[in-house]
Amino acid sequence: MNLATRSLFFALLTLLFMNAVTAGLPPPRVKADNAMIVSASRLADEAGLAILKRGGNAVDAAVAVGFTLAVVYPEAGNIGGGGFMIYRKASGSATALDFREKAPKSATRAMYLDAAGKVTGETVNGHRASGVPGTVAGLLRALDEFGTMKRAEVLRPAIRFAEEGFVVDSAFADDLEEYRDSLRLFEATKAIFFPGGKELHAGDTLRQPDLAKTLHRIAKDGAKEFYEGATAGMIVDEMSRGHGEITLEDLKAYTTVRRAPLTGTYRGFQILSMPPPSSGGACLLALLNLVEPSDLAKMGFHSEKSAHIMAEAMKRVFADRSKYLGDPDHQRIPLRTLVSKEYARSRLLEIDPVRATESKSIHPGTLPGREKNHTTNYVVQDKKGNVVSVTYTLNDLFGSKVAVQGAGFLMNDQMDDFSAKPGVANMYGLVGGEANAIAPEKRPLSSMTPTLVLKNGTPVLVLGARGGSKIITAVFQTIVNVIDYKMTVDEAVRAPRFHHQWLPDTLFYEPGCFPNSVLQSMAAHGNVMWESPHSLGEVEALSFDPRKRTLTGGPDDREPGTALGY
């Protein structure tokens, strides 16, 4: 099937899907017996599935999907950002791979403060917003250590889409329109996304020849090319043009880190998630610990009682996040205490069973003694039972909005995920403290939450999300929906969500999330309720039924999520 035919085929599928949505019907459930991929792009799913069908394993497919998303989903997929991977072999061993960006060596604690001590906009847009990217190093390390295929084979789909182009969909066209003004500020960016000075519309074809050349170089020479070769030189030249901080020395010094997955339990299920510098796993386990003593199923889905305990748990977990979590390579983190069920029991004593606690009255917990964020997520399971969950990001959509001239990709704006000024919120409204203050070569705290859920040693749910701080609560609610409310994975992902992050003191909820009676009662009991005009996280998930030996995809229709299997 050539590019034009394939594009027409998927345009017709999209039309059929939209008709189903308009008619109030759920999208068709995607099931498979051998393998499954769920991501934000059908083209990326296709690329990964082709790898699986040729005998590649879950990591081979995950690397192919990651590089393909960098081409066909450039507002969030990336090679100029960073992220995390959880990989579990069918034999039972599991690894958490940290390829989060790092602050340049020139970074200083107060680098984004003006003369009056206020945080400037340089953490979000422009060359100084970028940390040293980790995606290329992370994906290729995973391929080298856990994959079975050659770089050239897994990068081939991404290179093809960059050279031949792909058809712009309405979601990407809308993102371009929303960010038009900031993207046009940078000549190299404008040349990619506004070719010939014209705006791209749904149905247009976007070709990225410079990105294709970069991917060719990476396929030939590996990560060393990106961090020391011609691409590295282009990054440094771009930083020089815009007075950025990243140097060739920073790029050469970049390293990924293999970490032990963070583990916990919930109602007899085992949870594996990402440890710091992601806050996702720690916050997820803390949330599950806080609600486990409550019979959520008996309380009812989105009843006032269940929503109350979940929202109060969210407040306390985000308060603890603000003080205690950061880069474990730079400070001591009381991780075992924060994810312990004993600590959760002590925090539960603070919760009024009926009335909401004002956020100003909630503080980070007192710990007993000392111990020795826009994004995209995708999940893969292969026919042998190896599973992967990857979350990686540029941070905001289109990252720093700066494209590397001649290399064809966007740089991240991850420096905003540090506490540029402890106590002052970042773009997601998250407040951080000393543990997440800026320091040279430090990794900023993240909300990314790639997660595996196991029952009797078998992965039964693989998931993650995009959406900044809302990632954590979206993954949390999806797990609760599956385990407590017995939803199928696609029902659990589609179910409306709510979100509280301590500050601001507001319970955000999606349209249709609560009955009017629940909204009114929760407001009467002290909650500040706000219907969000935007989705509260976008989840991509898959489930495995050990008895039937079948896989089910859980793509999120809040974004153009898709699932493919065979």
Protein backbone atom coordinates (compact mmCIF):
# COMPACT_ATOMS: atom_id res chain seq x y z
CA MET A 1 0.00 0.00 0.00
CA ASN A 2 1.63 3.27 -1.08
CA LEU A 3 1.54 6.47 0.96
CA ALA A 4 -1.43 8.02 -0.85
CA THR A 5 -3.52 4.83 -0.67
CA ARG A 6 -2.64 4.30 2.98
CA SER A 7 -3.57 7.89 3.84
CA LEU A 8 -6.94 7.56 2.05
CA PHE A 9 -7.60 4.28 3.86
CA PHE A 10 -6.98 5.77 7.30
CA ALA A 11 -8.94 8.92 6.42
CA LEU A 12 -11.94 6.65 5.73
CA LEU A 13 -11.35 4.80 9.02
CA THR A 14 -11.23 8.13 10.84
CA LEU A 15 -14.50 9.20 9.19
CA LEU A 16 -16.14 5.94 10.28
CA PHE A 17 -14.82 6.45 13.80
CA MET A 18 -16.14 10.02 13.99
CA ASN A 19 -19.53 8.86 12.74
CA ALA A 20 -19.59 6.30 15.53
CA VAL A 21 -18.72 8.98 18.08
CA THR A 22 -21.41 11.29 16.70
CA ALA A 23 -23.93 8.45 16.98
CA GLY A 24 -22.92 7.98 20.63
CA LEU A 25 -21.25 4.63 19.98
CA PRO A 26 -17.91 3.62 21.51
CA PRO A 27 -15.06 2.98 19.09
CA PRO A 28 -14.61 -0.68 18.15
CA ARG A 29 -12.62 -2.73 20.65
CA VAL A 30 -9.21 -3.85 19.39
CA LYS A 31 -8.25 -7.39 20.38
CA ALA A 32 -5.31 -9.59 19.44
CA ASP A 33 -3.87 -13.00 20.29
CA ASN A 34 -0.16 -12.36 19.77
CA ALA A 35 0.97 -8.76 20.17
CA MET A 36 -0.39 -5.25 20.68
CA ILE A 37 0.78 -1.64 20.33
CA VAL A 38 -1.12 1.40 21.58
CA SER A 39 0.15 4.92 20.82
CA ALA A 40 -0.97 8.36 19.75
CA SER A 41 -0.44 7.62 16.04
CA ARG A 42 -1.66 4.84 13.78
CA LEU A 43 1.40 5.34 11.56
CA ALA A 44 3.64 4.69 14.57
CA ASP A 45 1.53 1.65 15.49
CA GLU A 46 1.97 0.34 11.95
CA ALA A 47 5.73 0.79 12.14
CA GLY A 48 5.99 -1.09 15.42
CA LEU A 49 3.61 -3.84 14.37
CA ALA A 50 5.63 -4.50 11.21
CA ILE A 51 8.71 -4.95 13.42
CA LEU A 52 6.84 -7.44 15.63
CA LYS A 53 5.60 -9.42 12.64
CA ARG A 54 9.17 -9.68 11.34
CA GLY A 55 10.22 -11.33 14.59
CA GLY A 56 11.32 -8.30 16.59
CA ASN A 57 10.60 -8.14 20.30
CA ALA A 58 8.74 -5.50 22.33
CA VAL A 59 11.83 -3.28 22.68
CA ASP A 60 12.59 -3.40 18.94
CA ALA A 61 9.01 -2.29 18.30
CA ALA A 62 9.10 0.36 21.03
CA VAL A 63 12.23 1.94 19.54
CA ALA A 64 10.65 1.94 16.07
CA VAL A 65 7.51 3.57 17.48
CA GLY A 66 9.55 6.18 19.38
CA PHE A 67 11.52 7.31 16.35
CA THR A 68 8.43 7.24 14.13
CA LEU A 69 6.52 9.44 16.57
CA ALA A 70 9.39 11.92 16.34
CA VAL A 71 8.43 12.33 12.67
CA VAL A 72 4.65 11.92 12.51
CA TYR A 73 3.79 13.39 15.93
CA PRO A 74 6.44 16.11 16.17
CA GLU A 75 4.57 18.29 18.66
CA ALA A 76 5.27 15.66 21.35
CA GLY A 77 7.22 12.75 19.84
CA ASN A 78 10.85 13.70 19.75
CA ILE A 79 14.56 13.15 19.50
CA GLY A 80 15.19 16.51 21.14
CA GLY A 81 13.58 15.62 24.47
CA GLY A 82 13.80 12.79 26.97
CA GLY A 83 11.80 10.34 29.02
CA PHE A 84 11.49 7.00 30.76
CA MET A 85 10.95 3.34 29.89
CA ILE A 86 9.75 0.41 31.96
CA TYR A 87 10.67 -2.93 30.39
CA ARG A 88 9.75 -6.35 31.75
CA LYS A 89 10.96 -9.56 30.17
CA ALA A 90 8.60 -12.51 29.96
CA SER A 91 11.04 -14.29 32.28
CA GLY A 92 10.20 -11.79 35.03
CA SER A 93 13.15 -9.40 35.23
CA ALA A 94 12.28 -5.71 34.96
CA THR A 95 14.26 -2.54 34.29
CA ALA A 96 13.49 1.16 34.51
CA LEU A 97 15.52 3.17 32.02
CA ASP A 98 15.94 6.87 32.78
CA PHE A 99 16.74 9.01 29.74
CA ARG A 100 15.46 12.24 31.23
CA GLU A 101 17.11 15.48 30.09
CA LYS A 102 19.83 17.05 32.24
CA ALA A 103 20.58 20.66 33.06
CA PRO A 104 23.64 22.04 31.22
CA LYS A 105 26.83 22.40 33.23
CA SER A 106 26.44 26.19 33.10
CA ALA A 107 23.05 26.04 34.85
CA THR A 108 22.66 28.06 38.02
CA ARG A 109 19.99 28.13 40.68
CA ALA A 110 18.77 31.64 39.80
CA MET A 111 19.35 31.57 36.03
CA TYR A 112 15.71 32.35 35.19
CA LEU A 113 15.14 35.15 37.68
CA ASP A 114 15.08 38.80 36.63
CA ALA A 115 16.46 41.71 38.61
CA ALA A 116 13.29 41.77 40.71
CA GLY A 117 13.58 38.08 41.50
CA LYS A 118 10.66 37.05 39.28
CA VAL A 119 10.73 34.01 36.98
CA THR A 120 11.14 34.97 33.32
CA GLY A 121 9.55 33.32 30.29
CA GLU A 122 12.89 31.83 29.26
CA THR A 123 11.98 28.54 30.95
CA VAL A 124 9.31 27.91 28.31
CA ASN A 125 10.22 29.46 24.94
CA GLY A 126 13.60 29.91 23.31
CA HIS A 127 17.04 28.43 23.39
CA ARG A 128 17.71 28.77 27.12
CA ALA A 129 14.67 26.59 27.94
CA SER A 130 16.33 23.36 26.81
CA GLY A 131 17.99 20.68 28.85
CA VAL A 132 20.45 18.22 27.32
CA PRO A 133 18.22 15.76 25.38
CA GLY A 134 18.18 12.06 26.25
CA THR A 135 15.78 10.35 23.84
CA VAL A 136 18.34 9.14 21.30
CA ALA A 137 20.66 7.80 23.99
CA GLY A 138 17.78 6.12 25.81
CA LEU A 139 16.08 4.45 22.88
CA LEU A 140 19.34 3.20 21.40
CA ARG A 141 20.61 1.92 24.75
CA ALA A 142 17.36 -0.04 25.10
CA LEU A 143 17.84 -1.42 21.60
CA ASP A 144 21.45 -2.40 22.27
CA GLU A 145 20.76 -4.08 25.62
CA PHE A 146 17.28 -5.59 25.15
CA GLY A 147 16.48 -5.54 21.45
CA THR A 148 17.29 -8.02 18.68
CA MET A 149 17.32 -5.90 15.52
CA LYS A 150 19.75 -3.48 13.90
CA ARG A 151 19.38 0.30 14.15
CA ALA A 152 18.85 0.68 10.42
CA GLU A 153 15.90 -1.71 10.48
CA VAL A 154 14.02 -0.11 13.37
CA LEU A 155 14.67 3.44 12.11
CA ARG A 156 13.60 2.65 8.54
CA PRO A 157 9.90 3.58 9.01
CA ALA A 158 10.75 6.92 10.63
CA ILE A 159 13.19 7.75 7.83
CA ARG A 160 10.60 6.86 5.20
CA PHE A 161 7.94 9.12 6.72
CA ALA A 162 10.44 11.96 7.04
CA GLU A 163 11.52 11.62 3.39
CA GLU A 164 8.19 10.83 1.73
CA GLY A 165 6.05 12.80 4.14
CA PHE A 166 2.84 12.00 5.99
CA VAL A 167 -0.65 13.42 5.75
CA VAL A 168 -1.42 16.05 8.40
CA ASP A 169 -4.50 15.22 10.46
CA SER A 170 -6.89 17.72 12.05
CA ALA A 171 -5.36 17.35 15.54
CA PHE A 172 -1.88 18.29 14.33
CA ALA A 173 -3.29 21.13 12.20
CA ASP A 174 -5.11 22.48 15.27
CA ASP A 175 -1.91 22.33 17.34
CA LEU A 176 -0.03 24.24 14.64
CA GLU A 177 -2.71 26.90 14.60
CA GLU A 178 -2.75 27.22 18.39
CA TYR A 179 1.04 27.62 18.58
CA ARG A 180 1.41 29.54 15.31
CA ASP A 181 2.75 32.78 16.79
CA SER A 182 5.43 31.20 18.98
CA LEU A 183 6.55 28.75 16.28
CA ARG A 184 6.98 31.56 13.75
CA LEU A 185 9.46 33.31 16.06
CA PHE A 186 12.23 30.91 15.01
CA GLU A 187 13.31 30.67 11.39
CA ALA A 188 14.28 26.99 11.37
CA THR A 189 10.99 26.07 13.05
CA LYS A 190 8.98 28.17 10.66
CA ALA A 191 10.71 26.54 7.69
CA ILE A 192 9.60 23.07 8.87
CA PHE A 193 6.03 23.67 9.91
CA PHE A 194 5.11 26.55 7.60
CA PRO A 195 6.81 25.46 4.35
CA GLY A 196 6.97 28.30 1.88
CA GLY A 197 5.37 30.52 4.52
CA LYS A 198 2.05 28.66 4.20
CA GLU A 199 0.09 27.10 7.03
CA LEU A 200 -0.42 23.35 6.94
CA HIS A 201 -4.01 22.15 6.97
CA ALA A 202 -5.56 18.73 7.47
CA GLY A 203 -4.93 16.72 4.32
CA ASP A 204 -1.65 18.46 3.45
CA THR A 205 1.58 16.46 3.34
CA LEU A 206 4.48 17.38 5.63
CA ARG A 207 7.95 16.34 4.45
CA GLN A 208 11.02 16.77 6.68
CA PRO A 209 14.17 16.18 4.63
CA ASP A 210 16.60 17.57 7.23
CA LEU A 211 15.14 15.27 9.88
CA ALA A 212 15.47 12.35 7.45
CA LYS A 213 19.18 13.11 7.06
CA THR A 214 19.60 13.25 10.85
CA LEU A 215 17.88 9.90 11.25
CA HIS A 216 20.06 8.42 8.50
CA ARG A 217 23.16 9.55 10.42
CA ILE A 218 21.85 8.08 13.67
CA ALA A 219 20.97 4.79 11.95
CA LYS A 220 24.52 4.58 10.59
CA ASP A 221 26.60 5.77 13.54
CA GLY A 222 24.35 5.45 16.59
CA ALA A 223 23.99 7.69 19.62
CA LYS A 224 27.60 8.88 19.32
CA GLU A 225 26.65 10.74 16.15
CA PHE A 226 23.91 12.67 17.96
CA TYR A 227 26.09 13.56 20.95
CA GLU A 228 29.48 14.02 19.32
CA GLY A 229 29.09 14.07 15.53
CA ALA A 230 27.52 16.30 12.90
CA THR A 231 24.17 16.50 14.68
CA ALA A 232 25.86 17.55 17.90
CA GLY A 233 27.61 20.32 15.99
CA MET A 234 24.28 21.55 14.64
CA ILE A 235 22.77 21.60 18.15
CA VAL A 236 25.71 23.62 19.47
CA ASP A 237 25.54 26.05 16.55
CA GLU A 238 21.80 26.52 17.17
CA MET A 239 22.43 27.16 20.86
CA SER A 240 25.07 29.75 19.96
CA ARG A 241 22.70 31.56 17.61
CA GLY A 242 20.05 31.87 20.32
CA HIS A 243 22.31 32.29 23.36
CA GLY A 244 21.38 28.85 24.68
CA GLU A 245 23.25 26.98 27.38
CA ILE A 246 23.99 23.55 25.85
CA THR A 247 27.60 22.98 24.77
CA LEU A 248 29.39 20.13 23.04
CA GLU A 249 30.83 19.18 26.42
CA ASP A 250 27.28 18.87 27.79
CA LEU A 251 26.27 16.59 24.93
CA LYS A 252 29.34 14.38 25.24
CA ALA A 253 28.78 14.05 29.00
CA TYR A 254 25.15 12.95 28.74
CA THR A 255 24.36 9.50 30.19
CA THR A 256 21.27 7.39 30.68
CA VAL A 257 20.67 5.50 33.94
CA ARG A 258 19.25 2.04 34.58
CA ARG A 259 17.22 2.12 37.79
CA ALA A 260 15.25 -0.43 39.76
CA PRO A 261 11.50 -0.05 39.10
CA LEU A 262 9.48 1.26 42.02
CA THR A 263 7.21 -1.52 43.27
CA GLY A 264 4.09 -1.70 45.40
CA THR A 265 0.82 -3.55 45.77
CA TYR A 266 -2.87 -2.69 45.45
CA ARG A 267 -5.64 -5.16 46.30
CA GLY A 268 -3.46 -8.17 45.47
CA PHE A 269 -2.00 -6.70 42.28
CA GLN A 270 1.67 -5.78 41.95
CA ILE A 271 2.50 -2.32 40.60
CA LEU A 272 5.78 -1.52 38.81
CA SER A 273 6.39 2.11 37.96
CA MET A 274 9.09 4.70 37.42
CA PRO A 275 11.24 5.88 40.34
CA PRO A 276 12.65 9.42 40.70
CA PRO A 277 13.57 11.65 39.00
CA SER A 278 10.04 10.88 37.89
CA SER A 279 7.55 11.64 40.62
CA GLY A 280 5.01 9.50 38.79
CA GLY A 281 5.66 6.12 40.37
CA ALA A 282 6.01 7.45 43.92
CA CYS A 283 2.84 9.54 43.64
CA LEU A 284 0.90 6.68 42.02
CA LEU A 285 1.81 4.21 44.79
CA ALA A 286 1.03 6.80 47.46
CA LEU A 287 -2.40 7.46 45.91
CA LEU A 288 -3.21 3.75 45.73
CA ASN A 289 -2.08 3.28 49.35
CA LEU A 290 -4.33 6.13 50.49
CA VAL A 291 -7.50 4.78 48.85
CA GLU A 292 -6.89 1.06 49.45
CA PRO A 293 -8.56 1.01 52.90
CA SER A 294 -11.77 2.40 51.31
CA ASP A 295 -14.25 0.15 49.52
CA LEU A 296 -14.41 2.22 46.34
CA ALA A 297 -16.52 -0.38 44.53
CA LYS A 298 -19.18 -0.29 47.26
CA MET A 299 -19.08 3.53 47.33
CA GLY A 300 -19.80 3.59 43.60
CA PHE A 301 -18.09 5.04 40.54
CA HIS A 302 -17.82 8.83 40.86
CA SER A 303 -20.13 8.94 43.84
CA GLU A 304 -19.49 11.74 46.29
CA LYS A 305 -17.86 9.33 48.76
CA SER A 306 -15.42 7.79 46.27
CA ALA A 307 -14.57 11.12 44.63
CA HIS A 308 -14.03 12.71 48.04
CA ILE A 309 -11.47 10.18 49.26
CA MET A 310 -9.67 10.15 45.90
CA ALA A 311 -9.50 13.97 45.70
CA GLU A 312 -8.29 14.30 49.30
CA ALA A 313 -5.61 11.71 48.57
CA MET A 314 -4.51 13.69 45.48
CA LYS A 315 -4.09 16.87 47.54
CA ARG A 316 -1.81 15.24 50.07
CA VAL A 317 0.29 13.38 47.53
CA PHE A 318 0.95 16.53 45.50
CA ALA A 319 1.81 18.42 48.70
CA ASP A 320 4.43 15.77 49.52
CA ARG A 321 5.67 15.87 45.92
CA SER A 322 6.37 19.59 46.25
CA LYS A 323 8.81 19.09 49.12
CA TYR A 324 10.42 15.69 48.93
CA LEU A 325 10.88 14.60 45.31
CA GLY A 326 13.71 15.47 42.93
CA ASP A 327 16.77 13.91 41.28
CA PRO A 328 18.00 11.02 43.48
CA ASP A 329 21.51 11.49 42.13
CA HIS A 330 21.64 14.97 43.71
CA GLN A 331 19.84 14.62 47.05
CA ARG A 332 18.49 12.09 49.50
CA ILE A 333 14.81 11.23 48.86
CA PRO A 334 12.74 9.51 51.60
CA LEU A 335 11.23 7.20 49.01
CA ARG A 336 10.55 4.12 51.10
CA THR A 337 8.57 6.17 53.59
CA LEU A 338 6.57 8.07 50.96
CA VAL A 339 5.37 4.86 49.28
CA SER A 340 4.79 2.87 52.46
CA LYS A 341 1.33 1.85 53.62
CA GLU A 342 2.23 2.93 57.16
CA TYR A 343 2.82 6.51 56.01
CA ALA A 344 -0.44 6.42 54.06
CA ARG A 345 -2.30 5.41 57.23
CA SER A 346 -0.88 8.42 59.05
CA ARG A 347 -1.98 10.78 56.26
CA LEU A 348 -5.46 9.22 56.21
CA LEU A 349 -6.01 10.38 59.80
CA GLU A 350 -5.99 13.99 58.49
CA ILE A 351 -8.92 13.44 56.09
CA ASP A 352 -12.40 14.51 57.18
CA PRO A 353 -14.80 11.77 56.00
CA VAL A 354 -17.23 14.31 54.51
CA ARG A 355 -15.80 17.80 54.19
CA ALA A 356 -13.00 18.86 51.84
CA THR A 357 -9.83 20.15 53.46
CA GLU A 358 -8.67 23.54 52.19
CA SER A 359 -5.31 23.24 50.45
CA LYS A 360 -3.87 26.05 52.56
CA SER A 361 -4.39 23.78 55.57
CA ILE A 362 -2.57 20.86 53.93
CA HIS A 363 1.20 20.70 54.24
CA PRO A 364 3.78 18.11 53.23
CA GLY A 365 3.73 15.27 55.74
CA THR A 366 6.18 14.99 58.59
CA LEU A 367 8.36 12.00 57.87
CA PRO A 368 9.54 9.74 60.69
CA GLY A 369 13.34 9.85 60.69
CA ARG A 370 15.70 9.47 57.72
CA GLU A 371 16.26 6.74 55.14
CA LYS A 372 19.54 5.36 53.59
CA ASN A 373 5.63 16.58 32.54
CA HIS A 374 3.26 17.80 26.78
CA THR A 375 4.19 14.30 26.43
CA THR A 376 3.39 11.10 24.62
CA ASN A 377 3.10 7.57 25.90
CA TYR A 378 2.97 4.23 24.16
CA VAL A 379 2.80 0.61 25.24
CA VAL A 380 3.87 -2.64 23.57
CA GLN A 381 3.47 -6.33 24.30
CA ASP A 382 5.00 -8.96 22.05
CA LYS A 383 3.95 -12.57 21.46
CA LYS A 384 6.43 -13.88 24.05
CA GLY A 385 4.99 -11.69 26.81
CA ASN A 386 7.73 -9.04 26.95
CA VAL A 387 6.14 -5.68 27.77
CA VAL A 388 7.26 -2.05 27.45
CA SER A 389 5.76 1.25 28.57
CA VAL A 390 7.50 4.40 27.35
CA THR A 391 6.71 8.00 28.19
CA TYR A 392 8.85 10.70 26.56
CA THR A 393 8.38 14.38 26.05
CA LEU A 394 9.43 17.80 24.83
CA ASN A 395 7.43 19.16 27.83
CA ASP A 396 5.10 21.78 26.32
CA LEU A 397 3.69 21.04 22.87
CA PHE A 398 6.52 21.75 20.39
CA GLY A 399 8.92 22.08 23.36
CA SER A 400 10.97 25.27 23.34
CA LYS A 401 9.62 25.99 19.79
CA VAL A 402 13.25 26.03 18.64
CA ALA A 403 14.17 23.68 15.80
CA VAL A 404 17.82 22.85 15.20
CA GLN A 405 18.75 24.40 11.86
CA GLY A 406 19.85 21.75 9.40
CA ALA A 407 18.89 18.86 11.71
CA GLY A 408 15.12 19.23 11.47
CA PHE A 409 13.96 18.52 15.03
CA LEU A 410 12.63 20.53 17.97
CA MET A 411 14.41 21.03 21.26
CA ASN A 412 12.70 20.54 24.62
CA ASP A 413 11.76 23.13 27.23
CA GLN A 414 12.41 20.84 30.19
CA MET A 415 14.18 23.46 32.27
CA ASP A 416 10.65 24.61 33.21
CA ASP A 417 10.22 21.37 35.14
CA PHE A 418 12.76 22.54 37.70
CA SER A 419 11.71 24.86 40.48
CA ALA A 420 13.10 28.00 38.88
CA LYS A 421 12.17 29.68 42.14
CA PRO A 422 11.16 27.28 44.92
CA GLY A 423 7.56 27.90 45.91
CA VAL A 424 6.61 29.39 42.51
CA ALA A 425 4.51 27.26 40.16
CA ASN A 426 5.70 26.16 36.71
CA MET A 427 3.57 26.10 33.53
CA TYR A 428 1.52 23.18 34.88
CA GLY A 429 0.81 24.96 38.15
CA LEU A 430 3.10 22.57 40.02
CA VAL A 431 4.93 24.02 43.00
CA GLY A 432 8.35 22.64 43.84
CA GLY A 433 10.89 23.10 46.59
CA GLU A 434 14.58 22.79 47.28
CA ALA A 435 14.71 19.15 46.18
CA ASN A 436 13.92 20.25 42.62
CA ALA A 437 15.98 23.46 42.49
CA ILE A 438 18.20 23.98 39.41
CA ALA A 439 21.74 22.61 39.56
CA PRO A 440 24.32 21.67 36.90
CA GLU A 441 23.81 18.22 35.33
CA LYS A 442 20.70 17.63 37.44
CA ARG A 443 17.57 16.01 36.01
CA PRO A 444 14.32 17.93 36.56
CA LEU A 445 11.45 16.27 38.38
CA SER A 446 8.84 14.73 36.09
CA SER A 447 5.25 13.51 36.31
CA MET A 448 5.73 10.76 33.74
CA THR A 449 4.28 7.47 34.96
CA PRO A 450 4.96 4.47 32.69
CA THR A 451 3.47 1.60 34.68
CA LEU A 452 2.93 -2.17 34.67
CA VAL A 453 0.23 -3.93 36.72
CA LEU A 454 0.77 -7.65 37.42
CA LYS A 455 -1.42 -10.39 38.86
CA ASN A 456 0.27 -13.56 40.07
CA GLY A 457 3.45 -12.52 38.27
CA THR A 458 1.81 -11.88 34.89
CA PRO A 459 1.41 -8.38 33.41
CA VAL A 460 -2.33 -7.72 33.04
CA LEU A 461 -2.27 -3.96 32.43
CA VAL A 462 0.40 -1.83 30.75
CA LEU A 463 -0.19 1.91 30.67
CA GLY A 464 1.04 5.47 30.83
CA ALA A 465 -0.21 8.92 29.92
CA ARG A 466 0.54 12.42 28.69
CA GLY A 467 -0.67 15.66 30.24
CA GLY A 468 1.84 17.15 32.68
CA SER A 469 0.70 16.89 36.30
CA LYS A 470 -2.51 15.19 35.14
CA ILE A 471 -0.52 12.13 34.04
CA ILE A 472 -0.35 10.87 37.61
CA THR A 473 -4.06 11.15 38.37
CA ALA A 474 -5.05 9.79 34.94
CA VAL A 475 -2.97 6.63 35.43
CA PHE A 476 -4.27 6.32 39.01
CA GLN A 477 -7.92 6.52 37.95
CA THR A 478 -7.43 4.10 35.06
CA ILE A 479 -6.01 1.47 37.44
CA VAL A 480 -8.86 2.04 39.89
CA ASN A 481 -11.38 1.76 37.07
CA VAL A 482 -9.99 -1.63 36.06
CA ILE A 483 -9.38 -3.14 39.51
CA ASP A 484 -12.19 -1.64 41.60
CA TYR A 485 -14.88 -0.99 39.02
CA LYS A 486 -14.14 -4.03 36.81
CA MET A 487 -14.05 -1.98 33.60
CA THR A 488 -12.40 -3.30 30.47
CA VAL A 489 -9.23 -1.41 29.59
CA ASP A 490 -10.90 0.63 26.83
CA GLU A 491 -13.81 1.53 29.12
CA ALA A 492 -11.37 2.49 31.88
CA VAL A 493 -9.40 4.79 29.57
CA ARG A 494 -12.48 6.47 28.10
CA ALA A 495 -14.19 7.07 31.45
CA PRO A 496 -14.33 10.77 32.46
CA ARG A 497 -11.69 11.90 34.94
CA PHE A 498 -11.10 14.49 37.64
CA HIS A 499 -7.90 16.01 38.99
CA HIS A 500 -6.61 17.84 42.07
CA GLN A 501 -2.95 18.79 42.55
CA TRP A 502 -3.14 20.60 45.90
CA LEU A 503 -2.39 24.00 44.39
CA PRO A 504 -4.50 25.61 43.05
CA ASP A 505 -7.21 24.52 45.50
CA THR A 506 -9.55 23.40 42.71
CA LEU A 507 -11.09 20.06 41.79
CA PHE A 508 -11.05 19.98 38.00
CA TYR A 509 -13.37 17.57 36.22
CA GLU A 510 -14.20 16.65 32.64
CA PRO A 511 -17.69 17.22 31.20
CA GLY A 512 -20.03 14.42 32.21
CA CYS A 513 -17.74 13.29 35.03
CA PHE A 514 -20.25 13.75 37.86
CA PRO A 515 -24.05 13.87 38.13
CA ASN A 516 -25.38 17.31 39.05
CA SER A 517 -26.39 16.03 42.48
CA VAL A 518 -22.79 15.00 43.22
CA LEU A 519 -21.41 18.33 41.93
CA GLN A 520 -23.77 20.28 44.14
CA SER A 521 -23.08 18.17 47.21
CA MET A 522 -19.31 18.30 46.76
CA ALA A 523 -19.42 22.08 46.38
CA ALA A 524 -21.56 22.31 49.54
CA HIS A 525 -18.92 20.29 51.39
CA GLY A 526 -16.11 22.71 50.62
CA ASN A 527 -14.80 21.72 47.19
CA VAL A 528 -14.01 24.37 44.60
CA MET A 529 -15.35 22.66 41.45
CA TRP A 530 -14.28 23.61 37.93
CA GLU A 531 -15.32 21.93 34.69
CA SER A 532 -12.19 21.72 32.57
CA PRO A 533 -12.41 22.77 28.92
CA HIS A 534 -9.44 20.48 28.27
CA SER A 535 -8.93 16.77 28.79
CA LEU A 536 -7.39 15.75 32.09
CA GLY A 537 -4.63 13.56 30.72
CA GLU A 538 -4.53 11.18 27.77
CA VAL A 539 -3.88 7.51 28.58
CA GLU A 540 -2.61 4.75 26.31
CA ALA A 541 -3.00 1.26 27.72
CA LEU A 542 -3.35 -2.42 26.91
CA SER A 543 -4.60 -5.33 28.98
CA PHE A 544 -3.86 -9.05 28.90
CA ASP A 545 -6.30 -11.78 29.94
CA PRO A 546 -4.13 -14.68 31.18
CA ARG A 547 -7.06 -17.12 31.03
CA LYS A 548 -8.12 -16.39 27.45
CA ARG A 549 -4.57 -15.42 26.37
CA THR A 550 -5.92 -12.35 24.59
CA LEU A 551 -4.79 -8.72 24.42
CA THR A 552 -7.10 -5.70 24.36
CA GLY A 553 -6.07 -2.20 23.35
CA GLY A 554 -7.06 0.88 25.34
CA PRO A 555 -6.36 3.94 23.16
CA ASP A 556 -7.60 7.31 24.38
CA ASP A 557 -10.06 9.11 22.13
CA ARG A 558 -9.20 12.37 23.91
CA GLU A 559 -6.29 12.38 21.45
CA PRO A 560 -5.93 10.45 18.18
CA GLY A 561 -4.94 7.33 20.12
CA THR A 562 -4.91 4.06 18.23
CA ALA A 563 -4.30 0.38 18.88
CA LEU A 564 -3.08 -2.30 16.49
CA GLY A 565 -2.42 -5.96 17.11
CA TYR A 566 -2.27 -9.33 15.45
